[in-house]
Amino acid sequence: MNTTQKHLTPDAVCFAATTLILAEGGTSSLIVQQFLLNQGYQAKRTDVSIWLVCVAIQEGWTIDDNGMFLVFSFPTPTSSSQ
């Protein structure tokens, strides 16, 4: 049985985080890491964290620091008063 692990990519991190945000409303690097490990990726926590911050900034996601870890989510639309 060949158990070669997949290499981590920004696209894989983006897909995992998007899936988790849609399912749960938000995610963290630890949850993304577990998701990727379950999908057969070689996912070290530091690598996942770095890629997740890069993806979040590029995509315009909200990043909240709750004092223990960063929580990533989609931005909430704001109402425009005109």
C-alpha atoms as a PDB file:
ATOM      1  CA  MET A   1       0.000   0.000   0.000  1.00  0.00           C
ATOM      2  CA  ASN A   2       1.467   3.325  -1.092  1.00  0.00           C
ATOM      3  CA  THR A   3       0.665   6.107   1.375  1.00  0.00           C
ATOM      4  CA  THR A   4       2.352   9.069  -0.257  1.00  0.00           C
ATOM      5  CA  GLN A   5       1.160  12.312   1.260  1.00  0.00           C
ATOM      6  CA  LYS A   6       0.090  15.208  -0.945  1.00  0.00           C
ATOM      7  CA  HIS A   7       2.162  18.395  -0.833  1.00  0.00           C
ATOM      8  CA  LEU A   8       0.542  21.411   0.774  1.00  0.00           C
ATOM      9  CA  THR A   9      -0.418  24.236  -1.593  1.00  0.00           C
ATOM     10  CA  PRO A  10      -2.171  27.588  -1.135  1.00  0.00           C
ATOM     11  CA  ASP A  11      -5.082  26.247  -3.220  1.00  0.00           C
ATOM     12  CA  ALA A  12      -5.483  23.279  -0.865  1.00  0.00           C
ATOM     13  CA  VAL A  13      -5.461  25.586   2.170  1.00  0.00           C
ATOM     14  CA  CYS A  14      -7.972  27.914   0.485  1.00  0.00           C
ATOM     15  CA  PHE A  15     -10.288  25.026  -0.401  1.00  0.00           C
ATOM     16  CA  ALA A  16     -10.113  23.567   3.110  1.00  0.00           C
ATOM     17  CA  ALA A  17     -10.689  26.911   4.819  1.00  0.00           C
ATOM     18  CA  THR A  18     -13.536  27.855   2.473  1.00  0.00           C
ATOM     19  CA  THR A  19     -15.223  24.503   3.078  1.00  0.00           C
ATOM     20  CA  LEU A  20     -14.884  24.871   6.838  1.00  0.00           C
ATOM     21  CA  ILE A  21     -16.053  28.495   6.915  1.00  0.00           C
ATOM     22  CA  LEU A  22     -19.118  27.599   4.857  1.00  0.00           C
ATOM     23  CA  ALA A  23     -19.886  24.676   7.184  1.00  0.00           C
ATOM     24  CA  GLU A  24     -19.105  26.322  10.527  1.00  0.00           C
ATOM     25  CA  GLY A  25     -19.036  30.080   9.968  1.00  0.00           C
ATOM     26  CA  GLY A  26     -15.344  30.326  10.829  1.00  0.00           C
ATOM     27  CA  THR A  27     -12.185  28.285  11.196  1.00  0.00           C
ATOM     28  CA  SER A  28      -8.676  28.254  12.642  1.00  0.00           C
ATOM     29  CA  SER A  29      -5.324  26.972  11.453  1.00  0.00           C
ATOM     30  CA  LEU A  30      -5.631  23.908  13.714  1.00  0.00           C
ATOM     31  CA  ILE A  31      -8.994  22.944  12.220  1.00  0.00           C
ATOM     32  CA  VAL A  32      -7.713  23.542   8.673  1.00  0.00           C
ATOM     33  CA  GLN A  33      -4.648  21.438   9.469  1.00  0.00           C
ATOM     34  CA  GLN A  34      -6.791  18.539  10.713  1.00  0.00           C
ATOM     35  CA  PHE A  35      -9.007  18.771   7.626  1.00  0.00           C
ATOM     36  CA  LEU A  36      -5.964  18.662   5.342  1.00  0.00           C
ATOM     37  CA  LEU A  37      -4.368  15.766   7.237  1.00  0.00           C
ATOM     38  CA  ASN A  38      -7.638  13.848   6.839  1.00  0.00           C
ATOM     39  CA  GLN A  39      -7.452  14.557   3.101  1.00  0.00           C
ATOM     40  CA  GLY A  40      -3.951  13.064   2.895  1.00  0.00           C
ATOM     41  CA  TYR A  41      -1.884  16.255   2.866  1.00  0.00           C
ATOM     42  CA  GLN A  42       1.466  16.730   4.543  1.00  0.00           C
ATOM     43  CA  ALA A  43       0.283  19.664   6.644  1.00  0.00           C
ATOM     44  CA  LYS A  44       2.545  21.112   9.317  1.00  0.00           C
ATOM     45  CA  ARG A  45       0.812  23.606  11.583  1.00  0.00           C
ATOM     46  CA  THR A  46       3.256  26.442  10.869  1.00  0.00           C
ATOM     47  CA  ASP A  47       2.940  25.971   7.104  1.00  0.00           C
ATOM     48  CA  VAL A  48      -0.861  25.891   7.319  1.00  0.00           C
ATOM     49  CA  SER A  49      -0.853  29.043   9.468  1.00  0.00           C
ATOM     50  CA  ILE A  50       1.354  30.962   7.049  1.00  0.00           C
ATOM     51  CA  TRP A  51      -0.653  29.955   3.978  1.00  0.00           C
ATOM     52  CA  LEU A  52      -3.951  30.585   5.748  1.00  0.00           C
ATOM     53  CA  VAL A  53      -3.021  34.161   6.654  1.00  0.00           C
ATOM     54  CA  CYS A  54      -1.810  34.788   3.077  1.00  0.00           C
ATOM     55  CA  VAL A  55      -5.007  33.360   1.589  1.00  0.00           C
ATOM     56  CA  ALA A  56      -7.211  35.285   4.031  1.00  0.00           C
ATOM     57  CA  ILE A  57      -5.526  38.581   3.185  1.00  0.00           C
ATOM     58  CA  GLN A  58      -5.684  37.893  -0.550  1.00  0.00           C
ATOM     59  CA  GLU A  59      -9.360  36.899  -0.380  1.00  0.00           C
ATOM     60  CA  GLY A  60     -10.360  39.731   1.967  1.00  0.00           C
ATOM     61  CA  TRP A  61     -11.503  37.439   4.766  1.00  0.00           C
ATOM     62  CA  THR A  62     -11.985  38.611   8.329  1.00  0.00           C
ATOM     63  CA  ILE A  63      -9.228  37.636  10.765  1.00  0.00           C
ATOM     64  CA  ASP A  64     -10.094  37.904  14.464  1.00  0.00           C
ATOM     65  CA  ASP A  65      -7.664  37.267  17.307  1.00  0.00           C
ATOM     66  CA  ASN A  66      -9.620  35.859  20.237  1.00  0.00           C
ATOM     67  CA  GLY A  67      -6.557  35.912  22.495  1.00  0.00           C
ATOM     68  CA  MET A  68      -5.753  32.250  21.975  1.00  0.00           C
ATOM     69  CA  PHE A  69      -5.750  31.836  18.203  1.00  0.00           C
ATOM     70  CA  LEU A  70      -6.820  33.499  14.967  1.00  0.00           C
ATOM     71  CA  VAL A  71     -10.331  32.877  13.678  1.00  0.00           C
ATOM     72  CA  PHE A  72     -10.883  33.214   9.934  1.00  0.00           C
ATOM     73  CA  SER A  73     -14.287  33.957   8.411  1.00  0.00           C
ATOM     74  CA  PHE A  74     -15.904  35.643   5.457  1.00  0.00           C
ATOM     75  CA  PRO A  75     -16.559  39.359   5.897  1.00  0.00           C
ATOM     76  CA  THR A  76     -20.110  40.292   6.798  1.00  0.00           C
ATOM     77  CA  PRO A  77     -21.842  42.667   4.431  1.00  0.00           C
ATOM     78  CA  THR A  78     -22.473  46.087   5.893  1.00  0.00           C
ATOM     79  CA  SER A  79     -25.586  48.030   5.152  1.00  0.00           C
ATOM     80  CA  SER A  80     -24.998  51.221   3.232  1.00  0.00           C
ATOM     81  CA  SER A  81     -27.127  54.166   4.255  1.00  0.00           C
ATOM     82  CA  GLN A  82     -27.596  56.729   1.497  1.00  0.00           C
END
